[in-house]
Every structure is written in structure tokens, then in C-alpha cells.
Amino acid sequence: MDYYNIYCTLKPGVADTDFTDGLANYLGKLQEDGRIAGWRVTRRKLGLAHPNLPEWHIVVETEDMAQLDRAFQAAASRAEPYEGFHHAVNSKVESVFFGLYRDFPDPVRQRGEEKF
């Protein structure tokens, strides 16, 4: 499983539930269409986090890089229905950064033949 991590802050004046409703519509559509395996959204609690981490954390789960690429293709198409859903989320955030992680060790990992 691959995990596309998104960290962001909401623009001033954006209601938290407007953001999460838009996120549920967008990522729910991608999941319904088989472009992602799952997702979750979390919010910093009690101010406990490294000072460089924004308040919001979204994790998008994909079975593999091919599925993640299909999700990116939907966003990059800038066509409906994805464009409207994407805009409803993207227009509400700022200070965004991303990271891609995977389960480890990889399921294909062999041991004993490593050169480094």
C-alpha cells in the first residue's frame, strides 16, 4: 500500500466543515471510481505537533503507483466531474506540502542478496 500524505492549512475564513465536506466529496468520488483505495482526514489536536506541521493531515491510500497515477490523471484532466470536486477542496487551502510513503518492507523484498 502507498500513502500519499497531504498537509495543509485552511485559508482565513474557510469553515472546517466546508473543507471536510468538499474533501469527502472529492476523495469519495476517486474511491468510488477505483482511483484510490481509501482515505482519511485528521486535524491536529490540542496544538500538539511539530511547529512546521500544519493543522490538517490527509492520507490517500492506493494499492500501487499505477492507481495513484490514475488519481493524478483525473485531477490533471481538469475535466468534470473531478475538476469541480478538486476545486472545492484546493480553493480552500494554503501552505500545502506532500509526501509519499509505502508499507515496509515491500512485499517483493528479498533478503540476503542486497549489495547495500
PDB file of N, CA and C in Angstrom:
ATOM      1  N   MET A   1       0.850  -1.174   0.000  1.00  0.00           N
ATOM      2  CA  MET A   1       0.000   0.000   0.000  1.00  0.00           C
ATOM      3  C   MET A   1       0.894   1.233   0.000  1.00  0.00           C
ATOM      4  N   ASP A   2       0.507   2.224  -0.793  1.00  0.00           N
ATOM      5  CA  ASP A   2       1.197   3.514  -0.816  1.00  0.00           C
ATOM      6  C   ASP A   2       0.310   4.545  -0.128  1.00  0.00           C
ATOM      7  N   TYR A   3       0.948   5.505   0.542  1.00  0.00           N
ATOM      8  CA  TYR A   3       0.229   6.520   1.299  1.00  0.00           C
ATOM      9  C   TYR A   3       0.697   7.900   0.840  1.00  0.00           C
ATOM     10  N   TYR A   4      -0.209   8.621   0.191  1.00  0.00           N
ATOM     11  CA  TYR A   4       0.064   9.978  -0.263  1.00  0.00           C
ATOM     12  C   TYR A   4      -0.402  10.906   0.856  1.00  0.00           C
ATOM     13  N   ASN A   5       0.554  11.521   1.550  1.00  0.00           N
ATOM     14  CA  ASN A   5       0.267  12.382   2.691  1.00  0.00           C
ATOM     15  C   ASN A   5       0.214  13.833   2.252  1.00  0.00           C
ATOM     16  N   ILE A   6      -0.829  14.513   2.661  1.00  0.00           N
ATOM     17  CA  ILE A   6      -1.032  15.919   2.330  1.00  0.00           C
ATOM     18  C   ILE A   6      -1.193  16.673   3.645  1.00  0.00           C
ATOM     19  N   TYR A   7      -0.424  17.710   3.820  1.00  0.00           N
ATOM     20  CA  TYR A   7      -0.513  18.564   5.000  1.00  0.00           C
ATOM     21  C   TYR A   7      -0.896  19.958   4.533  1.00  0.00           C
ATOM     22  N   CYS A   8      -1.853  20.590   5.213  1.00  0.00           N
ATOM     23  CA  CYS A   8      -2.280  21.911   4.763  1.00  0.00           C
ATOM     24  C   CYS A   8      -2.881  22.723   5.892  1.00  0.00           C
ATOM     25  N   THR A   9      -3.037  24.002   5.610  1.00  0.00           N
ATOM     26  CA  THR A   9      -3.720  24.953   6.465  1.00  0.00           C
ATOM     27  C   THR A   9      -4.886  25.508   5.655  1.00  0.00           C
ATOM     28  N   LEU A  10      -5.986  25.790   6.309  1.00  0.00           N
ATOM     29  CA  LEU A  10      -7.120  26.386   5.611  1.00  0.00           C
ATOM     30  C   LEU A  10      -6.899  27.885   5.438  1.00  0.00           C
ATOM     31  N   LYS A  11      -7.398  28.408   4.329  1.00  0.00           N
ATOM     32  CA  LYS A  11      -7.340  29.848   4.116  1.00  0.00           C
ATOM     33  C   LYS A  11      -8.197  30.542   5.177  1.00  0.00           C
ATOM     34  N   PRO A  12      -7.866  31.772   5.517  1.00  0.00           N
ATOM     35  CA  PRO A  12      -8.671  32.502   6.500  1.00  0.00           C
ATOM     36  C   PRO A  12     -10.136  32.563   6.075  1.00  0.00           C
ATOM     37  N   GLY A  13     -11.016  32.334   7.040  1.00  0.00           N
ATOM     38  CA  GLY A  13     -12.448  32.428   6.778  1.00  0.00           C
ATOM     39  C   GLY A  13     -13.104  31.154   6.277  1.00  0.00           C
ATOM     40  N   VAL A  14     -12.313  30.117   5.975  1.00  0.00           N
ATOM     41  CA  VAL A  14     -12.884  28.857   5.494  1.00  0.00           C
ATOM     42  C   VAL A  14     -13.364  28.042   6.690  1.00  0.00           C
ATOM     43  N   ALA A  15     -14.612  27.598   6.627  1.00  0.00           N
ATOM     44  CA  ALA A  15     -15.173  26.780   7.700  1.00  0.00           C
ATOM     45  C   ALA A  15     -14.608  25.368   7.613  1.00  0.00           C
ATOM     46  N   ASP A  16     -14.258  24.817   8.764  1.00  0.00           N
ATOM     47  CA  ASP A  16     -13.662  23.483   8.795  1.00  0.00           C
ATOM     48  C   ASP A  16     -14.570  22.438   8.149  1.00  0.00           C
ATOM     49  N   THR A  17     -15.869  22.506   8.398  1.00  0.00           N
ATOM     50  CA  THR A  17     -16.779  21.505   7.823  1.00  0.00           C
ATOM     51  C   THR A  17     -16.992  21.706   6.323  1.00  0.00           C
ATOM     52  N   ASP A  18     -16.866  22.938   5.834  1.00  0.00           N
ATOM     53  CA  ASP A  18     -16.925  23.143   4.371  1.00  0.00           C
ATOM     54  C   ASP A  18     -15.748  22.439   3.714  1.00  0.00           C
ATOM     55  N   PHE A  19     -14.584  22.560   4.335  1.00  0.00           N
ATOM     56  CA  PHE A  19     -13.395  21.888   3.819  1.00  0.00           C
ATOM     57  C   PHE A  19     -13.562  20.370   3.841  1.00  0.00           C
ATOM     58  N   THR A  20     -13.953  19.833   4.991  1.00  0.00           N
ATOM     59  CA  THR A  20     -14.049  18.372   5.099  1.00  0.00           C
ATOM     60  C   THR A  20     -15.189  17.808   4.254  1.00  0.00           C
ATOM     61  N   ASP A  21     -16.276  18.551   4.082  1.00  0.00           N
ATOM     62  CA  ASP A  21     -17.351  18.093   3.188  1.00  0.00           C
ATOM     63  C   ASP A  21     -16.850  18.024   1.746  1.00  0.00           C
ATOM     64  N   GLY A  22     -16.128  19.059   1.323  1.00  0.00           N
ATOM     65  CA  GLY A  22     -15.561  19.052  -0.029  1.00  0.00           C
ATOM     66  C   GLY A  22     -14.563  17.929  -0.218  1.00  0.00           C
ATOM     67  N   LEU A  23     -13.756  17.691   0.801  1.00  0.00           N
ATOM     68  CA  LEU A  23     -12.774  16.611   0.748  1.00  0.00           C
ATOM     69  C   LEU A  23     -13.466  15.253   0.634  1.00  0.00           C
ATOM     70  N   ALA A  24     -14.522  15.061   1.416  1.00  0.00           N
ATOM     71  CA  ALA A  24     -15.267  13.802   1.356  1.00  0.00           C
ATOM     72  C   ALA A  24     -15.882  13.592  -0.031  1.00  0.00           C
ATOM     73  N   ASN A  25     -16.389  14.651  -0.637  1.00  0.00           N
ATOM     74  CA  ASN A  25     -16.959  14.530  -1.988  1.00  0.00           C
ATOM     75  C   ASN A  25     -15.892  14.168  -3.013  1.00  0.00           C
ATOM     76  N   TYR A  26     -14.748  14.850  -2.943  1.00  0.00           N
ATOM     77  CA  TYR A  26     -13.684  14.627  -3.921  1.00  0.00           C
ATOM     78  C   TYR A  26     -13.036  13.254  -3.759  1.00  0.00           C
ATOM     79  N   LEU A  27     -12.553  12.977  -2.568  1.00  0.00           N
ATOM     80  CA  LEU A  27     -11.875  11.700  -2.367  1.00  0.00           C
ATOM     81  C   LEU A  27     -12.858  10.537  -2.409  1.00  0.00           C
ATOM     82  N   GLY A  28     -14.088  10.779  -1.999  1.00  0.00           N
ATOM     83  CA  GLY A  28     -15.117   9.748  -2.125  1.00  0.00           C
ATOM     84  C   GLY A  28     -15.373   9.388  -3.575  1.00  0.00           C
ATOM     85  N   LYS A  29     -15.386  10.389  -4.457  1.00  0.00           N
ATOM     86  CA  LYS A  29     -15.571  10.137  -5.893  1.00  0.00           C
ATOM     87  C   LYS A  29     -14.391   9.356  -6.453  1.00  0.00           C
ATOM     88  N   LEU A  30     -13.167   9.735  -6.074  1.00  0.00           N
ATOM     89  CA  LEU A  30     -11.997   8.995  -6.545  1.00  0.00           C
ATOM     90  C   LEU A  30     -12.038   7.544  -6.064  1.00  0.00           C
ATOM     91  N   GLN A  31     -12.467   7.336  -4.826  1.00  0.00           N
ATOM     92  CA  GLN A  31     -12.553   5.974  -4.303  1.00  0.00           C
ATOM     93  C   GLN A  31     -13.668   5.195  -5.009  1.00  0.00           C
ATOM     94  N   GLU A  32     -14.805   5.827  -5.177  1.00  0.00           N
ATOM     95  CA  GLU A  32     -15.929   5.183  -5.876  1.00  0.00           C
ATOM     96  C   GLU A  32     -15.532   4.736  -7.276  1.00  0.00           C
ATOM     97  N   ASP A  33     -14.696   5.534  -7.934  1.00  0.00           N
ATOM     98  CA  ASP A  33     -14.256   5.227  -9.296  1.00  0.00           C
ATOM     99  C   ASP A  33     -13.032   4.311  -9.337  1.00  0.00           C
ATOM    100  N   GLY A  34     -12.571   3.837  -8.182  1.00  0.00           N
ATOM    101  CA  GLY A  34     -11.442   2.915  -8.127  1.00  0.00           C
ATOM    102  C   GLY A  34     -10.094   3.573  -8.345  1.00  0.00           C
ATOM    103  N   ARG A  35     -10.028   4.899  -8.236  1.00  0.00           N
ATOM    104  CA  ARG A  35      -8.768   5.613  -8.456  1.00  0.00           C
ATOM    105  C   ARG A  35      -7.934   5.720  -7.189  1.00  0.00           C
ATOM    106  N   ILE A  36      -8.546   5.473  -6.027  1.00  0.00           N
ATOM    107  CA  ILE A  36      -7.822   5.349  -4.763  1.00  0.00           C
ATOM    108  C   ILE A  36      -8.463   4.210  -3.974  1.00  0.00           C
ATOM    109  N   ALA A  37      -7.703   3.656  -3.034  1.00  0.00           N
ATOM    110  CA  ALA A  37      -8.223   2.557  -2.216  1.00  0.00           C
ATOM    111  C   ALA A  37      -8.961   3.066  -0.979  1.00  0.00           C
ATOM    112  N   GLY A  38      -8.542   4.199  -0.458  1.00  0.00           N
ATOM    113  CA  GLY A  38      -9.167   4.755   0.739  1.00  0.00           C
ATOM    114  C   GLY A  38      -8.538   6.080   1.097  1.00  0.00           C
ATOM    115  N   TRP A  39      -9.041   6.693   2.142  1.00  0.00           N
ATOM    116  CA  TRP A  39      -8.510   7.985   2.574  1.00  0.00           C
ATOM    117  C   TRP A  39      -8.981   8.277   3.994  1.00  0.00           C
ATOM    118  N   ARG A  40      -8.311   9.240   4.619  1.00  0.00           N
ATOM    119  CA  ARG A  40      -8.746   9.757   5.911  1.00  0.00           C
ATOM    120  C   ARG A  40      -8.232  11.179   6.061  1.00  0.00           C
ATOM    121  N   VAL A  41      -8.932  11.931   6.879  1.00  0.00           N
ATOM    122  CA  VAL A  41      -8.502  13.286   7.201  1.00  0.00           C
ATOM    123  C   VAL A  41      -8.382  13.388   8.714  1.00  0.00           C
ATOM    124  N   THR A  42      -7.300  14.025   9.157  1.00  0.00           N
ATOM    125  CA  THR A  42      -7.107  14.244  10.581  1.00  0.00           C
ATOM    126  C   THR A  42      -6.767  15.713  10.816  1.00  0.00           C
ATOM    127  N   ARG A  43      -7.034  16.129  12.039  1.00  0.00           N
ATOM    128  CA  ARG A  43      -6.774  17.519  12.429  1.00  0.00           C
ATOM    129  C   ARG A  43      -5.935  17.513  13.699  1.00  0.00           C
ATOM    130  N   ARG A  44      -4.970  18.378  13.734  1.00  0.00           N
ATOM    131  CA  ARG A  44      -4.112  18.480  14.917  1.00  0.00           C
ATOM    132  C   ARG A  44      -4.977  18.671  16.165  1.00  0.00           C
ATOM    133  N   LYS A  45      -4.580  18.024  17.228  1.00  0.00           N
ATOM    134  CA  LYS A  45      -5.347  18.064  18.471  1.00  0.00           C
ATOM    135  C   LYS A  45      -4.531  18.724  19.577  1.00  0.00           C
ATOM    136  N   LEU A  46      -5.155  19.629  20.278  1.00  0.00           N
ATOM    137  CA  LEU A  46      -4.561  20.311  21.429  1.00  0.00           C
ATOM    138  C   LEU A  46      -3.258  21.038  21.077  1.00  0.00           C
ATOM    139  N   GLY A  47      -3.088  21.371  19.806  1.00  0.00           N
ATOM    140  CA  GLY A  47      -1.876  22.064  19.387  1.00  0.00           C
ATOM    141  C   GLY A  47      -0.631  21.213  19.435  1.00  0.00           C
ATOM    142  N   LEU A  48      -0.809  19.901  19.589  1.00  0.00           N
ATOM    143  CA  LEU A  48       0.341  19.013  19.737  1.00  0.00           C
ATOM    144  C   LEU A  48       0.852  18.548  18.377  1.00  0.00           C
ATOM    145  N   ALA A  49       1.924  19.147  17.945  1.00  0.00           N
ATOM    146  CA  ALA A  49       2.594  18.761  16.701  1.00  0.00           C
ATOM    147  C   ALA A  49       3.875  19.573  16.597  1.00  0.00           C
ATOM    148  N   HIS A  50       4.742  19.117  15.746  1.00  0.00           N
ATOM    149  CA  HIS A  50       5.932  19.897  15.434  1.00  0.00           C
ATOM    150  C   HIS A  50       5.471  21.232  14.849  1.00  0.00           C
ATOM    151  N   PRO A  51       6.135  22.341  15.171  1.00  0.00           N
ATOM    152  CA  PRO A  51       5.683  23.645  14.700  1.00  0.00           C
ATOM    153  C   PRO A  51       5.649  23.800  13.177  1.00  0.00           C
ATOM    154  N   ASN A  52       6.367  22.960  12.454  1.00  0.00           N
ATOM    155  CA  ASN A  52       6.347  23.041  10.990  1.00  0.00           C
ATOM    156  C   ASN A  52       5.176  22.289  10.364  1.00  0.00           C
ATOM    157  N   LEU A  53       4.449  21.520  11.158  1.00  0.00           N
ATOM    158  CA  LEU A  53       3.327  20.756  10.614  1.00  0.00           C
ATOM    159  C   LEU A  53       2.045  21.578  10.658  1.00  0.00           C
ATOM    160  N   PRO A  54       1.352  21.689   9.520  1.00  0.00           N
ATOM    161  CA  PRO A  54       0.070  22.395   9.504  1.00  0.00           C
ATOM    162  C   PRO A  54      -0.999  21.655  10.304  1.00  0.00           C
ATOM    163  N   GLU A  55      -2.141  22.284  10.429  1.00  0.00           N
ATOM    164  CA  GLU A  55      -3.231  21.761  11.245  1.00  0.00           C
ATOM    165  C   GLU A  55      -3.891  20.518  10.651  1.00  0.00           C
ATOM    166  N   TRP A  56      -3.938  20.411   9.334  1.00  0.00           N
ATOM    167  CA  TRP A  56      -4.669  19.331   8.675  1.00  0.00           C
ATOM    168  C   TRP A  56      -3.729  18.328   8.034  1.00  0.00           C
ATOM    169  N   HIS A  57      -4.111  17.044   8.113  1.00  0.00           N
ATOM    170  CA  HIS A  57      -3.341  15.954   7.517  1.00  0.00           C
ATOM    171  C   HIS A  57      -4.323  15.024   6.811  1.00  0.00           C
ATOM    172  N   ILE A  58      -4.111  14.826   5.527  1.00  0.00           N
ATOM    173  CA  ILE A  58      -4.939  13.929   4.719  1.00  0.00           C
ATOM    174  C   ILE A  58      -4.053  12.787   4.244  1.00  0.00           C
ATOM    175  N   VAL A  59      -4.541  11.572   4.357  1.00  0.00           N
ATOM    176  CA  VAL A  59      -3.820  10.404   3.857  1.00  0.00           C
ATOM    177  C   VAL A  59      -4.676   9.756   2.777  1.00  0.00           C
ATOM    178  N   VAL A  60      -4.105   9.645   1.578  1.00  0.00           N
ATOM    179  CA  VAL A  60      -4.764   8.976   0.465  1.00  0.00           C
ATOM    180  C   VAL A  60      -4.052   7.644   0.262  1.00  0.00           C
ATOM    181  N   GLU A  61      -4.808   6.554   0.334  1.00  0.00           N
ATOM    182  CA  GLU A  61      -4.241   5.212   0.215  1.00  0.00           C
ATOM    183  C   GLU A  61      -4.462   4.676  -1.191  1.00  0.00           C
ATOM    184  N   THR A  62      -3.393   4.127  -1.778  1.00  0.00           N
ATOM    185  CA  THR A  62      -3.511   3.475  -3.082  1.00  0.00           C
ATOM    186  C   THR A  62      -2.830   2.113  -3.030  1.00  0.00           C
ATOM    187  N   GLU A  63      -3.336   1.209  -3.827  1.00  0.00           N
ATOM    188  CA  GLU A  63      -2.788  -0.146  -3.878  1.00  0.00           C
ATOM    189  C   GLU A  63      -1.370  -0.148  -4.436  1.00  0.00           C
ATOM    190  N   ASP A  64      -1.099   0.759  -5.377  1.00  0.00           N
ATOM    191  CA  ASP A  64       0.211   0.818  -6.032  1.00  0.00           C
ATOM    192  C   ASP A  64       0.351   2.158  -6.749  1.00  0.00           C
ATOM    193  N   MET A  65       1.485   2.371  -7.359  1.00  0.00           N
ATOM    194  CA  MET A  65       1.745   3.625  -8.060  1.00  0.00           C
ATOM    195  C   MET A  65       0.843   3.797  -9.277  1.00  0.00           C
ATOM    196  N   ALA A  66       0.440   2.707  -9.895  1.00  0.00           N
ATOM    197  CA  ALA A  66      -0.456   2.790 -11.052  1.00  0.00           C
ATOM    198  C   ALA A  66      -1.805   3.381 -10.636  1.00  0.00           C
ATOM    199  N   GLN A  67      -2.324   2.964  -9.486  1.00  0.00           N
ATOM    200  CA  GLN A  67      -3.590   3.511  -9.011  1.00  0.00           C
ATOM    201  C   GLN A  67      -3.426   4.988  -8.653  1.00  0.00           C
ATOM    202  N   LEU A  68      -2.318   5.340  -8.023  1.00  0.00           N
ATOM    203  CA  LEU A  68      -2.058   6.744  -7.711  1.00  0.00           C
ATOM    204  C   LEU A  68      -1.978   7.564  -8.984  1.00  0.00           C
ATOM    205  N   ASP A  69      -1.358   7.015 -10.015  1.00  0.00           N
ATOM    206  CA  ASP A  69      -1.273   7.716 -11.288  1.00  0.00           C
ATOM    207  C   ASP A  69      -2.660   7.947 -11.878  1.00  0.00           C
ATOM    208  N   ARG A  70      -3.562   6.982 -11.731  1.00  0.00           N
ATOM    209  CA  ARG A  70      -4.936   7.170 -12.231  1.00  0.00           C
ATOM    210  C   ARG A  70      -5.643   8.302 -11.480  1.00  0.00           C
ATOM    211  N   ALA A  71      -5.369   8.426 -10.188  1.00  0.00           N
ATOM    212  CA  ALA A  71      -5.944   9.532  -9.423  1.00  0.00           C
ATOM    213  C   ALA A  71      -5.373  10.866  -9.905  1.00  0.00           C
ATOM    214  N   PHE A  72      -4.069  10.914 -10.137  1.00  0.00           N
ATOM    215  CA  PHE A  72      -3.453  12.143 -10.642  1.00  0.00           C
ATOM    216  C   PHE A  72      -3.967  12.477 -12.041  1.00  0.00           C
ATOM    217  N   GLN A  73      -4.198  11.476 -12.867  1.00  0.00           N
ATOM    218  CA  GLN A  73      -4.737  11.723 -14.203  1.00  0.00           C
ATOM    219  C   GLN A  73      -6.121  12.367 -14.125  1.00  0.00           C
ATOM    220  N   ALA A  74      -6.926  11.931 -13.176  1.00  0.00           N
ATOM    221  CA  ALA A  74      -8.256  12.522 -13.010  1.00  0.00           C
ATOM    222  C   ALA A  74      -8.134  14.002 -12.658  1.00  0.00           C
ATOM    223  N   ALA A  75      -7.237  14.335 -11.727  1.00  0.00           N
ATOM    224  CA  ALA A  75      -7.045  15.734 -11.340  1.00  0.00           C
ATOM    225  C   ALA A  75      -6.439  16.539 -12.488  1.00  0.00           C
ATOM    226  N   ALA A  76      -5.470  15.960 -13.174  1.00  0.00           N
ATOM    227  CA  ALA A  76      -4.782  16.673 -14.254  1.00  0.00           C
ATOM    228  C   ALA A  76      -5.667  16.893 -15.470  1.00  0.00           C
ATOM    229  N   SER A  77      -6.708  16.095 -15.620  1.00  0.00           N
ATOM    230  CA  SER A  77      -7.594  16.249 -16.777  1.00  0.00           C
ATOM    231  C   SER A  77      -8.309  17.592 -16.760  1.00  0.00           C
ATOM    232  N   ARG A  78      -8.502  18.155 -15.564  1.00  0.00           N
ATOM    233  CA  ARG A  78      -9.212  19.425 -15.375  1.00  0.00           C
ATOM    234  C   ARG A  78     -10.615  19.359 -15.963  1.00  0.00           C
ATOM    235  N   ALA A  79     -11.155  18.140 -16.038  1.00  0.00           N
ATOM    236  CA  ALA A  79     -12.482  17.906 -16.605  1.00  0.00           C
ATOM    237  C   ALA A  79     -13.436  17.454 -15.500  1.00  0.00           C
ATOM    238  N   GLU A  80     -14.703  17.689 -15.726  1.00  0.00           N
ATOM    239  CA  GLU A  80     -15.724  17.212 -14.793  1.00  0.00           C
ATOM    240  C   GLU A  80     -15.841  15.699 -14.902  1.00  0.00           C
ATOM    241  N   PRO A  81     -16.211  15.021 -13.840  1.00  0.00           N
ATOM    242  CA  PRO A  81     -16.674  15.583 -12.578  1.00  0.00           C
ATOM    243  C   PRO A  81     -15.555  15.946 -11.613  1.00  0.00           C
ATOM    244  N   TYR A  82     -14.331  15.567 -11.929  1.00  0.00           N
ATOM    245  CA  TYR A  82     -13.235  15.741 -10.966  1.00  0.00           C
ATOM    246  C   TYR A  82     -12.858  17.202 -10.742  1.00  0.00           C
ATOM    247  N   GLU A  83     -12.917  18.024 -11.772  1.00  0.00           N
ATOM    248  CA  GLU A  83     -12.473  19.410 -11.629  1.00  0.00           C
ATOM    249  C   GLU A  83     -13.274  20.158 -10.568  1.00  0.00           C
ATOM    250  N   GLY A  84     -14.572  20.006 -10.572  1.00  0.00           N
ATOM    251  CA  GLY A  84     -15.399  20.686  -9.583  1.00  0.00           C
ATOM    252  C   GLY A  84     -15.107  20.222  -8.172  1.00  0.00           C
ATOM    253  N   PHE A  85     -14.957  18.911  -8.004  1.00  0.00           N
ATOM    254  CA  PHE A  85     -14.642  18.361  -6.687  1.00  0.00           C
ATOM    255  C   PHE A  85     -13.266  18.826  -6.214  1.00  0.00           C
ATOM    256  N   HIS A  86     -12.282  18.810  -7.136  1.00  0.00           N
ATOM    257  CA  HIS A  86     -10.925  19.220  -6.789  1.00  0.00           C
ATOM    258  C   HIS A  86     -10.891  20.698  -6.410  1.00  0.00           C
ATOM    259  N   HIS A  87     -11.569  21.522  -7.189  1.00  0.00           N
ATOM    260  CA  HIS A  87     -11.602  22.954  -6.904  1.00  0.00           C
ATOM    261  C   HIS A  87     -12.245  23.241  -5.547  1.00  0.00           C
ATOM    262  N   ALA A  88     -13.268  22.487  -5.201  1.00  0.00           N
ATOM    263  CA  ALA A  88     -13.968  22.697  -3.928  1.00  0.00           C
ATOM    264  C   ALA A  88     -13.055  22.446  -2.728  1.00  0.00           C
ATOM    265  N   VAL A  89     -11.977  21.706  -2.931  1.00  0.00           N
ATOM    266  CA  VAL A  89     -11.001  21.469  -1.865  1.00  0.00           C
ATOM    267  C   VAL A  89      -9.808  22.408  -2.029  1.00  0.00           C
ATOM    268  N   ASN A  90      -9.219  22.401  -3.207  1.00  0.00           N
ATOM    269  CA  ASN A  90      -7.988  23.141  -3.464  1.00  0.00           C
ATOM    270  C   ASN A  90      -8.152  24.645  -3.214  1.00  0.00           C
ATOM    271  N   SER A  91      -9.318  25.184  -3.482  1.00  0.00           N
ATOM    272  CA  SER A  91      -9.541  26.623  -3.310  1.00  0.00           C
ATOM    273  C   SER A  91      -9.619  27.033  -1.834  1.00  0.00           C
ATOM    274  N   LYS A  92      -9.695  26.077  -0.937  1.00  0.00           N
ATOM    275  CA  LYS A  92      -9.856  26.370   0.482  1.00  0.00           C
ATOM    276  C   LYS A  92      -8.565  26.246   1.292  1.00  0.00           C
ATOM    277  N   VAL A  93      -7.484  25.804   0.663  1.00  0.00           N
ATOM    278  CA  VAL A  93      -6.264  25.524   1.427  1.00  0.00           C
ATOM    279  C   VAL A  93      -5.091  26.391   0.998  1.00  0.00           C
ATOM    280  N   GLU A  94      -4.121  26.480   1.906  1.00  0.00           N
ATOM    281  CA  GLU A  94      -2.852  27.140   1.628  1.00  0.00           C
ATOM    282  C   GLU A  94      -1.772  26.408   2.412  1.00  0.00           C
ATOM    283  N   SER A  95      -0.540  26.793   2.187  1.00  0.00           N
ATOM    284  CA  SER A  95       0.592  26.165   2.877  1.00  0.00           C
ATOM    285  C   SER A  95       0.531  24.650   2.776  1.00  0.00           C
ATOM    286  N   VAL A  96       0.467  24.158   1.562  1.00  0.00           N
ATOM    287  CA  VAL A  96       0.319  22.725   1.311  1.00  0.00           C
ATOM    288  C   VAL A  96       1.675  22.095   1.033  1.00  0.00           C
ATOM    289  N   PHE A  97       1.920  20.924   1.626  1.00  0.00           N
ATOM    290  CA  PHE A  97       3.055  20.117   1.197  1.00  0.00           C
ATOM    291  C   PHE A  97       2.669  18.651   1.262  1.00  0.00           C
ATOM    292  N   PHE A  98       3.444  17.831   0.555  1.00  0.00           N
ATOM    293  CA  PHE A  98       3.071  16.449   0.295  1.00  0.00           C
ATOM    294  C   PHE A  98       4.231  15.502   0.595  1.00  0.00           C
ATOM    295  N   GLY A  99       3.899  14.239   0.800  1.00  0.00           N
ATOM    296  CA  GLY A  99       4.898  13.189   0.947  1.00  0.00           C
ATOM    297  C   GLY A  99       4.284  11.869   0.526  1.00  0.00           C
ATOM    298  N   LEU A 100       5.100  11.002  -0.030  1.00  0.00           N
ATOM    299  CA  LEU A 100       4.640   9.689  -0.462  1.00  0.00           C
ATOM    300  C   LEU A 100       5.393   8.625   0.322  1.00  0.00           C
ATOM    301  N   TYR A 101       4.639   7.757   0.985  1.00  0.00           N
ATOM    302  CA  TYR A 101       5.212   6.692   1.804  1.00  0.00           C
ATOM    303  C   TYR A 101       4.648   5.356   1.357  1.00  0.00           C
ATOM    304  N   ARG A 102       5.269   4.272   1.822  1.00  0.00           N
ATOM    305  CA  ARG A 102       4.814   2.925   1.479  1.00  0.00           C
ATOM    306  C   ARG A 102       4.929   2.033   2.698  1.00  0.00           C
ATOM    307  N   ASP A 103       4.183   0.941   2.664  1.00  0.00           N
ATOM    308  CA  ASP A 103       4.381  -0.073   3.685  1.00  0.00           C
ATOM    309  C   ASP A 103       5.786  -0.634   3.530  1.00  0.00           C
ATOM    310  N   PHE A 104       6.387  -1.016   4.637  1.00  0.00           N
ATOM    311  CA  PHE A 104       7.750  -1.542   4.593  1.00  0.00           C
ATOM    312  C   PHE A 104       7.881  -2.694   5.568  1.00  0.00           C
ATOM    313  N   PRO A 105       8.574  -3.729   5.219  1.00  0.00           N
ATOM    314  CA  PRO A 105       9.278  -3.910   3.957  1.00  0.00           C
ATOM    315  C   PRO A 105       8.303  -4.177   2.810  1.00  0.00           C
ATOM    316  N   ASP A 106       8.764  -3.864   1.623  1.00  0.00           N
ATOM    317  CA  ASP A 106       7.942  -4.082   0.441  1.00  0.00           C
ATOM    318  C   ASP A 106       7.600  -5.566   0.309  1.00  0.00           C
ATOM    319  N   PRO A 107       6.396  -5.882  -0.172  1.00  0.00           N
ATOM    320  CA  PRO A 107       6.019  -7.290  -0.311  1.00  0.00           C
ATOM    321  C   PRO A 107       6.947  -8.088  -1.232  1.00  0.00           C
ATOM    322  N   VAL A 108       7.614  -7.414  -2.166  1.00  0.00           N
ATOM    323  CA  VAL A 108       8.503  -8.099  -3.110  1.00  0.00           C
ATOM    324  C   VAL A 108       9.936  -8.195  -2.590  1.00  0.00           C
ATOM    325  N   ARG A 109      10.186  -7.657  -1.410  1.00  0.00           N
ATOM    326  CA  ARG A 109      11.536  -7.596  -0.853  1.00  0.00           C
ATOM    327  C   ARG A 109      12.104  -8.987  -0.589  1.00  0.00           C
ATOM    328  N   GLN A 110      13.306  -9.232  -1.119  1.00  0.00           N
ATOM    329  CA  GLN A 110      14.042 -10.448  -0.819  1.00  0.00           C
ATOM    330  C   GLN A 110      15.215 -10.081   0.075  1.00  0.00           C
ATOM    331  N   ARG A 111      15.599 -11.010   0.907  1.00  0.00           N
ATOM    332  CA  ARG A 111      16.701 -10.746   1.824  1.00  0.00           C
ATOM    333  C   ARG A 111      17.862 -11.669   1.521  1.00  0.00           C
ATOM    334  N   GLY A 112      19.046 -11.170   1.770  1.00  0.00           N
ATOM    335  CA  GLY A 112      20.247 -11.986   1.602  1.00  0.00           C
ATOM    336  C   GLY A 112      21.028 -11.689   0.337  1.00  0.00           C
ATOM    337  N   GLU A 113      20.442 -10.992  -0.615  1.00  0.00           N
ATOM    338  CA  GLU A 113      21.159 -10.678  -1.855  1.00  0.00           C
ATOM    339  C   GLU A 113      21.484  -9.201  -1.980  1.00  0.00           C
ATOM    340  N   GLU A 114      21.210  -8.419  -0.947  1.00  0.00           N
ATOM    341  CA  GLU A 114      21.429  -6.963  -1.011  1.00  0.00           C
ATOM    342  C   GLU A 114      22.909  -6.659  -1.181  1.00  0.00           C
ATOM    343  N   LYS A 115      23.213  -5.668  -1.983  1.00  0.00           N
ATOM    344  CA  LYS A 115      24.592  -5.194  -2.185  1.00  0.00           C
ATOM    345  C   LYS A 115      24.855  -3.941  -1.360  1.00  0.00           C
ATOM    346  N   PHE A 116      23.833  -3.329  -0.830  1.00  0.00           N
ATOM    347  CA  PHE A 116      23.997  -2.157   0.037  1.00  0.00           C
ATOM    348  C   PHE A 116      22.898  -2.132   1.064  1.00  0.00           C
TER     349      PHE A 116
END
